Amino acid sequence: MRAGAAGVILCLSLAVVWAQIPIRIITLEEAEKLALLNDSKLLSAEQDERIAEERVKQAKYLFLPELGMRGAATSYSSQYPFATSAESGSLLLFPRGSAYGNSDALFAGMGYLHMSLYEGGRTLNTLKLAEAALKQAKTRLESSRRDIVLAVRRGFYRLLALEEKARAAREALKEAETIDKRAAMGPADEIDAEGTIERLREKTEDAAHQERLERLSFLKVLNLELDTPFELKGRLQENPAPPEISKALLWALESRPELQAESYKAQMDVISVNLAQARRSPTVFLDGDYGVVNQSNQIQAITQTNWDATLGVKIPIAYDYLSQLSQKRAEQRQGELKRSELEDQVRLEVRNTHESFSYWQKEVPRIRARYEKIAAALRALAPKLGALRRLKAVESLLDLKFSLLDALAAATTARAELARAVGREIQ
C-alpha cells in the first residue's frame, strides 16, 4: 500500500510539473528561424564558408615577401677550416688560434627575404581560385538554407492539416455518438449505425496517431527536444495565380544557388587549366640575407657582418606537364556536362512544381465549393432525415472535410516547392 501511494504521489508530481511547462506558440516565421539556428548541416556549411574565407586570406599573403630571422650558437673544435650545416647558415669556421679564429664558439644571427617577382600567373590564379571557392561556398550555404526552409514549410503545413483533421474527426465522432444515443432504431439499423460509428472512431484514432507522428517529425526538423509542448499558429491558405512558366524558368536560371555554384565551379576549372599551363613558365625571384657573426670570447663584440642579394630565374622542366594539362581539361569538360545535366534537372523541377501549383490552385476552390454545398444541404435536411441517414451524412461530410484539408496542405506545399524550384518567393 505504501508503494502504491508513493507511485500515485509521483505521478501527481509529474503531472503538476508537466502542467507548469509553458506551451510554446510557433508561427511559420519562428519555425524557420529555429531550424536555421540549430541545423547541423547548415552550421557545417557555415564552417565551409569560413574555411574558404581563410583560404582567400592565405592566397593574398602569397603576394607578400617571405621574411624571417634565424639565430644560432655553436661550440666546436676543429683542426681545419669547415662550414656549418645549411640549417645553421653554412658559416665558415676556423680552428682556434689561427689567423681567423680566436675562439671555439660562434654566435650568429641572420634575417632573410624571399620574394617571387614573376611566376607565370600562378599566384594570381591561386587567389582567383580561392575567391571562386568562397563564392561557391556561399551559394552552397544559401542552398542549404533554402532546403531547410522548404522542409520546415512542408512539416508546418502538413501538421496544420493533421491537427484540423484530428479536430474535425473528434467533433464528427461526438456528433455521431449523440445522434446514436438519442435515436430509436431497429436491429438492422443499429448494426449499420454501430459500423458507421466504429469507422468514425477508427478515423479519429488514425488522425490523432498521424498528428502525433508528425509533431515528432516537426520537432526533429526544428532540432528541438522531442517532448517540447507547442502549438502552431497559422492557417492553410489557397494559392494565388501562378506565374507564367517562361518567367518561372527564367527566375530559376537566374536565382538558383545550385546553378550559381556550378558557374563558380566552371571558373575554378578554367583557373585550374591556367595553373597547369603556368607550370612551364619561368620563375623570377629575389633573395636577400643579412647576418652578423661573432667568433670571439665576448658575445657583445660583432666581428663580422654579411649580406647578399640575389636576383634569379628558375626554368622548370616538368615531365608530367602534358598529362596534368590533359587531366585538367578533362575535368573542365566533365564540369560542363554536369552543369548541363543540372540545368535540365532544374527545368524539369520547375515544370513539375509549376504543374502542381497550377493544379491545386484550380482544385482547391472546387473541393471547397463542393464541401460547402454539401454541408449546407445536410444542415438543411438534417431535421427531415432519420438517425441512420444522419450518421452516414456525418461520415460523408467528414470524408469531404479530410479531402479539403489534404488539398489545402498540398496546395500550400506546392507553393513552397515552386518557390524553392525558382529560387525566390511566390508573391
Protein backbone atom coordinates (compact mmCIF):
# COMPACT_ATOMS: atom_id res chain seq x y z
CA MET A 1 0.00 0.00 0.00
CA ARG A 2 2.87 2.34 0.77
CA ALA A 3 4.44 1.59 -2.63
CA GLY A 4 1.11 2.25 -4.35
CA ALA A 5 0.69 5.54 -2.52
CA ALA A 6 4.22 6.59 -3.43
CA GLY A 7 3.52 5.77 -7.08
CA VAL A 8 0.36 7.87 -7.04
CA ILE A 9 2.21 10.79 -5.44
CA LEU A 10 4.99 10.53 -8.04
CA CYS A 11 2.50 10.51 -10.91
CA LEU A 12 0.69 13.51 -9.46
CA SER A 13 4.01 15.35 -9.03
CA LEU A 14 4.99 14.66 -12.62
CA ALA A 15 1.59 15.84 -13.80
CA VAL A 16 1.97 19.07 -11.84
CA VAL A 17 5.46 19.67 -13.25
CA TRP A 18 4.28 18.96 -16.79
CA ALA A 19 1.34 21.31 -16.34
CA GLN A 20 3.74 24.08 -15.32
CA ILE A 21 5.80 23.78 -18.52
CA PRO A 22 4.75 26.66 -20.79
CA ILE A 23 3.35 25.68 -24.17
CA ARG A 24 5.38 27.23 -26.94
CA ILE A 25 3.47 29.04 -29.69
CA ILE A 26 5.25 28.54 -33.01
CA THR A 27 4.49 30.52 -36.14
CA LEU A 28 5.90 29.68 -39.56
CA GLU A 29 8.44 32.51 -39.32
CA GLU A 30 9.61 31.39 -35.89
CA ALA A 31 9.83 27.77 -37.07
CA GLU A 32 12.10 28.81 -39.94
CA LYS A 33 14.33 30.78 -37.58
CA LEU A 34 14.61 27.86 -35.14
CA ALA A 35 15.51 25.43 -37.90
CA LEU A 36 18.11 27.77 -39.39
CA LEU A 37 19.58 28.38 -35.95
CA ASN A 38 20.10 24.78 -34.91
CA ASP A 39 20.55 22.68 -38.07
CA SER A 40 23.85 20.79 -38.03
CA LYS A 41 24.19 20.69 -41.84
CA LEU A 42 23.74 24.43 -42.04
CA LEU A 43 26.29 25.01 -39.29
CA SER A 44 28.72 22.77 -41.18
CA ALA A 45 28.11 24.79 -44.36
CA GLU A 46 28.84 27.98 -42.41
CA GLN A 47 32.18 26.49 -41.35
CA ASP A 48 32.92 25.68 -45.00
CA GLU A 49 32.37 29.35 -45.77
CA ARG A 50 34.76 30.40 -43.01
CA ILE A 51 37.37 27.95 -44.27
CA ALA A 52 37.05 29.41 -47.76
CA GLU A 53 37.44 32.94 -46.36
CA GLU A 54 40.67 31.96 -44.61
CA ARG A 55 41.98 30.40 -47.81
CA VAL A 56 41.40 33.68 -49.61
CA LYS A 57 43.47 35.44 -46.94
CA GLN A 58 46.22 32.85 -47.31
CA ALA A 59 46.23 33.33 -51.09
CA LYS A 60 46.64 37.10 -50.63
CA TYR A 61 49.64 36.55 -48.37
CA LEU A 62 51.43 34.90 -51.31
CA PHE A 63 51.91 38.37 -52.84
CA LEU A 64 53.98 39.46 -49.80
CA PRO A 65 57.68 38.64 -49.42
CA GLU A 66 58.66 35.81 -47.14
CA LEU A 67 60.56 37.28 -44.17
CA GLY A 68 62.30 35.50 -41.33
CA MET A 69 65.05 35.54 -38.74
CA ARG A 70 67.42 32.86 -37.59
CA GLY A 71 69.89 32.67 -34.71
CA ALA A 72 72.48 30.08 -33.71
CA ALA A 73 75.07 29.47 -31.00
CA THR A 74 77.73 26.90 -31.97
CA SER A 75 80.52 25.32 -29.96
CA TYR A 76 83.13 23.45 -31.97
CA SER A 77 86.60 22.02 -32.08
CA SER A 78 88.48 21.62 -35.35
CA GLN A 79 91.94 21.36 -36.83
CA TYR A 80 90.96 22.57 -40.26
CA PRO A 81 88.50 25.20 -41.54
CA PHE A 82 84.99 23.86 -42.21
CA ALA A 83 81.44 25.10 -42.88
CA THR A 84 78.41 24.55 -40.67
CA SER A 85 75.27 22.85 -41.91
CA ALA A 86 72.73 24.64 -44.08
CA GLU A 87 70.32 24.88 -41.11
CA SER A 88 72.99 26.89 -39.25
CA GLY A 89 73.63 29.21 -42.16
CA SER A 90 76.60 27.43 -43.85
CA LEU A 91 79.07 29.60 -41.91
CA LEU A 92 82.84 29.12 -42.40
CA LEU A 93 84.68 28.33 -39.15
CA PHE A 94 88.42 28.29 -38.43
CA PRO A 95 90.45 26.46 -35.77
CA ARG A 96 91.15 28.33 -32.58
CA GLY A 97 94.49 30.11 -32.66
CA SER A 98 94.50 30.55 -36.43
CA ALA A 99 94.64 33.93 -38.12
CA TYR A 100 90.83 33.98 -38.44
CA GLY A 101 89.77 32.19 -35.30
CA ASN A 102 90.41 33.14 -31.69
CA SER A 103 87.58 31.16 -30.04
CA ASP A 104 85.92 27.77 -30.14
CA ALA A 105 82.40 29.30 -30.02
CA LEU A 106 80.32 31.04 -32.65
CA PHE A 107 77.27 33.27 -32.29
CA ALA A 108 75.34 34.19 -35.43
CA GLY A 109 72.09 35.89 -36.34
CA MET A 110 70.52 36.34 -39.76
CA GLY A 111 67.49 37.96 -41.38
CA TYR A 112 66.36 36.72 -44.76
CA LEU A 113 63.89 37.66 -47.50
CA HIS A 114 62.45 35.72 -50.42
CA MET A 115 60.03 37.17 -52.94
CA SER A 116 58.74 35.85 -56.24
CA LEU A 117 58.60 38.62 -58.82
CA TYR A 118 57.09 36.57 -61.63
CA GLU A 119 55.59 33.08 -61.63
CA GLY A 120 53.60 32.94 -64.84
CA GLY A 121 50.37 33.99 -63.07
CA ARG A 122 50.39 31.14 -60.56
CA THR A 123 49.98 33.38 -57.51
CA LEU A 124 47.23 35.45 -59.13
CA ASN A 125 45.38 32.36 -60.32
CA THR A 126 45.67 30.82 -56.86
CA LEU A 127 43.94 33.90 -55.44
CA LYS A 128 41.23 33.75 -58.11
CA LEU A 129 40.72 30.06 -57.37
CA ALA A 130 40.29 30.77 -53.65
CA GLU A 131 37.83 33.61 -54.36
CA ALA A 132 35.77 31.41 -56.67
CA ALA A 133 35.75 28.68 -54.00
CA LEU A 134 34.50 31.25 -51.47
CA LYS A 135 31.64 32.26 -53.76
CA GLN A 136 30.81 28.62 -54.27
CA ALA A 137 30.74 28.04 -50.50
CA LYS A 138 28.37 31.00 -50.08
CA THR A 139 25.97 29.64 -52.70
CA ARG A 140 26.05 26.20 -51.10
CA LEU A 141 25.24 27.79 -47.76
CA GLU A 142 22.29 29.59 -49.34
CA SER A 143 21.15 26.34 -50.95
CA SER A 144 21.25 24.63 -47.55
CA ARG A 145 19.18 27.44 -46.05
CA ARG A 146 16.51 27.07 -48.72
CA ASP A 147 16.37 23.31 -48.30
CA ILE A 148 15.79 23.77 -44.58
CA VAL A 149 13.08 26.38 -45.15
CA LEU A 150 11.31 24.04 -47.56
CA ALA A 151 11.47 21.16 -45.05
CA VAL A 152 10.02 23.44 -42.34
CA ARG A 153 7.17 24.62 -44.55
CA ARG A 154 6.29 21.09 -45.62
CA GLY A 155 6.15 19.95 -42.00
CA PHE A 156 4.29 23.06 -40.85
CA TYR A 157 1.53 22.79 -43.46
CA ARG A 158 1.17 19.03 -43.04
CA LEU A 159 0.91 19.33 -39.27
CA LEU A 160 -1.68 22.11 -39.58
CA ALA A 161 -3.78 19.87 -41.83
CA LEU A 162 -3.43 16.89 -39.49
CA GLU A 163 -4.44 18.98 -36.47
CA GLU A 164 -7.54 20.15 -38.35
CA LYS A 165 -8.33 16.58 -39.41
CA ALA A 166 -7.98 15.29 -35.85
CA ARG A 167 -10.20 18.09 -34.54
CA ALA A 168 -12.83 17.51 -37.23
CA ALA A 169 -12.79 13.75 -36.58
CA ARG A 170 -13.33 14.24 -32.84
CA GLU A 171 -16.24 16.58 -33.48
CA ALA A 172 -17.80 14.21 -36.01
CA LEU A 173 -17.45 11.24 -33.65
CA LYS A 174 -19.02 13.22 -30.80
CA GLU A 175 -21.91 14.28 -33.02
CA ALA A 176 -22.43 10.71 -34.24
CA GLU A 177 -22.46 9.31 -30.69
CA THR A 178 -25.01 11.95 -29.67
CA ILE A 179 -27.27 11.01 -32.60
CA ASP A 180 -26.95 7.31 -31.82
CA LYS A 181 -27.88 7.76 -28.15
CA ARG A 182 -30.98 9.78 -28.89
CA ALA A 183 -32.27 7.68 -31.81
CA ALA A 184 -34.51 4.66 -31.71
CA MET A 185 -33.63 2.23 -34.50
CA GLY A 186 -34.39 -1.31 -35.48
CA PRO A 187 -31.87 -4.14 -35.01
CA ALA A 188 -30.58 -3.94 -38.61
CA ASP A 189 -30.20 -0.17 -38.45
CA GLU A 190 -28.47 -0.42 -35.09
CA ILE A 191 -25.86 -2.76 -36.55
CA ASP A 192 -25.34 -0.41 -39.50
CA ALA A 193 -25.14 2.58 -37.16
CA GLU A 194 -22.61 0.81 -34.94
CA GLY A 195 -20.46 0.10 -38.01
CA THR A 196 -20.62 3.77 -39.00
CA ILE A 197 -19.61 4.92 -35.52
CA GLU A 198 -16.78 2.39 -35.43
CA ARG A 199 -15.44 3.70 -38.74
CA LEU A 200 -15.60 7.23 -37.36
CA ARG A 201 -13.77 6.06 -34.24
CA GLU A 202 -11.04 4.46 -36.38
CA LYS A 203 -10.66 7.63 -38.43
CA THR A 204 -10.42 9.66 -35.24
CA GLU A 205 -7.75 7.43 -33.75
CA ASP A 206 -5.80 7.32 -37.02
CA ALA A 207 -5.93 11.11 -37.38
CA ALA A 208 -4.66 11.53 -33.80
CA HIS A 209 -1.93 8.96 -34.42
CA GLN A 210 -0.77 10.68 -37.61
CA GLU A 211 -0.79 14.02 -35.81
CA ARG A 212 1.44 12.69 -33.01
CA LEU A 213 3.92 11.23 -35.51
CA GLU A 214 4.03 14.46 -37.49
CA ARG A 215 4.61 16.50 -34.32
CA LEU A 216 7.71 14.40 -33.60
CA SER A 217 8.95 14.82 -37.17
CA PHE A 218 8.36 18.57 -36.99
CA LEU A 219 10.28 18.87 -33.71
CA LYS A 220 13.15 16.97 -35.34
CA VAL A 221 13.16 19.44 -38.24
CA LEU A 222 13.31 22.31 -35.74
CA ASN A 223 16.03 20.49 -33.75
CA LEU A 224 14.04 20.86 -30.52
CA GLU A 225 13.60 18.33 -27.73
CA LEU A 226 11.05 15.72 -28.79
CA ASP A 227 8.98 16.26 -25.64
CA THR A 228 8.64 20.04 -26.14
CA PRO A 229 4.98 21.09 -25.82
CA PHE A 230 3.96 23.51 -28.57
CA GLU A 231 1.06 24.80 -30.60
CA LEU A 232 1.13 26.01 -34.19
CA LYS A 233 -0.19 29.43 -35.08
CA GLY A 234 -1.12 29.66 -38.73
CA ARG A 235 -3.65 28.63 -41.32
CA LEU A 236 -3.78 26.87 -44.65
CA GLN A 237 -4.26 29.33 -47.50
CA GLU A 238 -5.32 28.98 -51.08
CA ASN A 239 -2.75 29.77 -53.76
CA PRO A 240 -2.60 32.98 -55.76
CA ALA A 241 -2.39 32.84 -59.54
CA PRO A 242 0.80 31.01 -60.60
CA PRO A 243 3.50 32.84 -62.55
CA GLU A 244 3.97 32.08 -66.22
CA ILE A 245 6.13 29.04 -66.84
CA SER A 246 8.57 31.02 -69.00
CA LYS A 247 9.05 33.54 -66.20
CA ALA A 248 9.47 30.77 -63.64
CA LEU A 249 12.17 29.12 -65.76
CA LEU A 250 13.98 32.43 -66.14
CA TRP A 251 13.86 33.03 -62.39
CA ALA A 252 15.28 29.57 -61.72
CA LEU A 253 18.20 30.02 -64.13
CA GLU A 254 18.99 33.39 -62.54
CA SER A 255 18.39 32.67 -58.85
CA ARG A 256 19.03 29.01 -58.10
CA PRO A 257 22.13 28.82 -55.88
CA GLU A 258 22.98 25.37 -57.24
CA LEU A 259 23.39 26.81 -60.75
CA GLN A 260 25.42 29.70 -59.38
CA ALA A 261 27.66 27.23 -57.58
CA GLU A 262 28.21 25.37 -60.84
CA SER A 263 29.08 28.67 -62.55
CA TYR A 264 31.77 29.27 -59.94
CA LYS A 265 32.90 25.67 -60.43
CA ALA A 266 33.32 26.46 -64.14
CA GLN A 267 35.53 29.42 -63.23
CA MET A 268 37.57 27.18 -60.97
CA ASP A 269 38.02 24.67 -63.80
CA VAL A 270 39.32 27.39 -66.12
CA ILE A 271 41.72 28.62 -63.44
CA SER A 272 42.93 25.07 -62.83
CA VAL A 273 43.77 24.77 -66.53
CA ASN A 274 45.65 28.08 -66.37
CA LEU A 275 47.58 26.87 -63.34
CA ALA A 276 48.52 23.69 -65.17
CA GLN A 277 49.74 25.72 -68.14
CA ALA A 278 51.74 28.02 -65.85
CA ARG A 279 53.90 25.13 -64.66
CA ARG A 280 56.20 25.57 -67.65
CA SER A 281 56.60 29.33 -67.06
CA PRO A 282 59.93 30.53 -65.60
CA THR A 283 60.05 31.98 -62.10
CA VAL A 284 61.90 35.21 -61.33
CA PHE A 285 62.75 35.62 -57.67
CA LEU A 286 64.63 37.93 -55.32
CA ASP A 287 66.55 36.61 -52.31
CA GLY A 288 68.33 38.62 -49.65
CA ASP A 289 70.22 37.85 -46.42
CA TYR A 290 71.81 39.97 -43.73
CA GLY A 291 73.75 38.30 -40.92
CA VAL A 292 76.04 39.11 -38.02
CA VAL A 293 78.73 36.71 -36.71
CA ASN A 294 80.73 36.80 -33.52
CA GLN A 295 83.63 34.37 -33.05
CA SER A 296 85.20 35.92 -30.01
CA ASN A 297 85.05 35.25 -26.30
CA GLN A 298 82.95 38.36 -25.77
CA ILE A 299 79.45 37.96 -27.09
CA GLN A 300 78.91 41.70 -27.34
CA ALA A 301 81.62 42.17 -29.94
CA ILE A 302 80.45 41.75 -33.51
CA THR A 303 83.42 40.69 -35.54
CA GLN A 304 81.76 40.20 -38.90
CA THR A 305 78.66 41.26 -40.84
CA ASN A 306 77.48 39.59 -44.05
CA TRP A 307 74.81 40.45 -46.58
CA ASP A 308 73.83 39.30 -50.01
CA ALA A 309 71.12 39.97 -52.61
CA THR A 310 70.28 37.60 -55.44
CA LEU A 311 68.08 38.04 -58.49
CA GLY A 312 67.49 34.65 -60.05
CA VAL A 313 65.47 32.75 -62.62
CA LYS A 314 64.22 29.17 -62.38
CA ILE A 315 63.10 27.38 -65.52
CA PRO A 316 61.10 24.25 -64.63
CA ILE A 317 61.21 21.08 -66.67
CA ALA A 318 58.02 19.12 -65.86
CA TYR A 319 57.78 15.63 -67.27
CA ASP A 320 54.07 15.36 -66.44
CA TYR A 321 53.12 18.77 -67.85
CA LEU A 322 51.05 17.46 -70.76
CA SER A 323 49.48 14.74 -68.65
CA GLN A 324 48.34 17.18 -65.96
CA LEU A 325 47.11 19.66 -68.56
CA SER A 326 45.04 16.93 -70.24
CA GLN A 327 43.64 15.94 -66.85
CA LYS A 328 42.53 19.49 -66.03
CA ARG A 329 40.93 19.93 -69.43
CA ALA A 330 39.07 16.63 -69.00
CA GLU A 331 37.84 17.82 -65.58
CA GLN A 332 36.72 21.07 -67.17
CA ARG A 333 34.73 19.16 -69.79
CA GLN A 334 33.29 16.94 -67.08
CA GLY A 335 32.12 20.01 -65.20
CA GLU A 336 30.41 21.36 -68.32
CA LEU A 337 28.49 18.11 -68.71
CA LYS A 338 27.42 18.18 -65.06
CA ARG A 339 26.23 21.78 -65.38
CA SER A 340 24.21 20.90 -68.46
CA GLU A 341 22.61 17.97 -66.62
CA LEU A 342 21.86 20.17 -63.60
CA GLU A 343 20.17 22.78 -65.80
CA ASP A 344 17.94 20.07 -67.27
CA GLN A 345 17.08 18.86 -63.77
CA VAL A 346 16.22 22.40 -62.68
CA ARG A 347 13.97 22.94 -65.71
CA LEU A 348 12.18 19.65 -65.00
CA GLU A 349 11.78 20.53 -61.32
CA VAL A 350 10.34 23.94 -62.18
CA ARG A 351 7.86 22.45 -64.64
CA ASN A 352 6.77 19.74 -62.18
CA THR A 353 6.26 22.14 -59.30
CA HIS A 354 4.56 24.67 -61.58
CA GLU A 355 2.15 21.98 -62.75
CA SER A 356 1.35 21.01 -59.13
CA PHE A 357 0.96 24.67 -58.17
CA SER A 358 -1.44 25.30 -61.09
CA TYR A 359 -3.39 22.09 -60.44
CA TRP A 360 -4.07 22.80 -56.77
CA GLN A 361 -4.76 26.45 -57.49
CA LYS A 362 -7.74 25.26 -59.55
CA GLU A 363 -8.64 22.19 -57.49
CA VAL A 364 -8.90 23.71 -54.01
CA PRO A 365 -11.76 26.15 -54.84
CA ARG A 366 -13.67 23.29 -56.49
CA ILE A 367 -13.27 20.98 -53.47
CA ARG A 368 -14.15 23.80 -51.08
CA ALA A 369 -17.27 24.72 -53.05
CA ARG A 370 -18.38 21.07 -53.11
CA TYR A 371 -17.80 20.69 -49.38
CA GLU A 372 -19.67 23.90 -48.51
CA LYS A 373 -22.56 22.99 -50.82
CA ILE A 374 -23.00 19.51 -49.36
CA ALA A 375 -22.56 20.78 -45.79
CA ALA A 376 -25.27 23.42 -46.31
CA ALA A 377 -27.59 20.85 -47.87
CA LEU A 378 -27.09 18.41 -45.00
CA ARG A 379 -27.73 21.11 -42.40
CA ALA A 380 -30.97 21.99 -44.16
CA LEU A 381 -32.10 18.36 -44.48
CA ALA A 382 -30.90 17.16 -41.06
CA PRO A 383 -34.29 17.56 -39.28
CA LYS A 384 -36.00 15.53 -42.02
CA LEU A 385 -33.51 12.65 -42.08
CA GLY A 386 -33.58 9.52 -40.00
CA ALA A 387 -30.88 8.71 -37.46
CA LEU A 388 -29.04 6.26 -39.72
CA ARG A 389 -29.06 8.70 -42.63
CA ARG A 390 -27.75 11.44 -40.37
CA LEU A 391 -24.91 9.19 -39.17
CA LYS A 392 -23.90 8.39 -42.73
CA ALA A 393 -24.15 12.07 -43.61
CA VAL A 394 -21.74 12.90 -40.75
CA GLU A 395 -19.26 10.30 -42.06
CA SER A 396 -19.56 11.55 -45.65
CA LEU A 397 -19.10 15.15 -44.56
CA LEU A 398 -16.00 14.17 -42.56
CA ASP A 399 -14.52 12.50 -45.65
CA LEU A 400 -15.14 15.67 -47.64
CA LYS A 401 -13.51 17.74 -44.89
CA PHE A 402 -10.48 15.44 -44.99
CA SER A 403 -10.27 15.87 -48.76
CA LEU A 404 -10.43 19.65 -48.42
CA LEU A 405 -7.70 19.72 -45.75
CA ASP A 406 -5.46 17.42 -47.78
CA ALA A 407 -5.95 19.65 -50.81
CA LEU A 408 -5.11 22.80 -48.83
CA ALA A 409 -1.96 21.19 -47.42
CA ALA A 410 -0.92 20.03 -50.89
CA ALA A 411 -1.59 23.49 -52.33
CA THR A 412 0.48 25.36 -49.76
CA THR A 413 3.25 22.77 -50.05
CA ALA A 414 3.22 23.09 -53.84
CA ARG A 415 3.65 26.83 -53.48
CA ALA A 416 6.66 26.34 -51.18
CA GLU A 417 8.16 23.78 -53.55
CA LEU A 418 7.77 26.11 -56.54
CA ALA A 419 9.42 28.90 -54.56
CA ARG A 420 12.35 26.56 -53.86
CA ALA A 421 12.50 25.49 -57.51
CA VAL A 422 12.63 29.05 -58.91
CA GLY A 423 14.85 30.42 -56.14
CA ARG A 424 12.51 33.16 -54.91
CA GLU A 425 9.24 33.63 -53.03
CA ILE A 426 5.93 33.41 -54.92
CA GLN A 427 4.09 36.58 -54.01
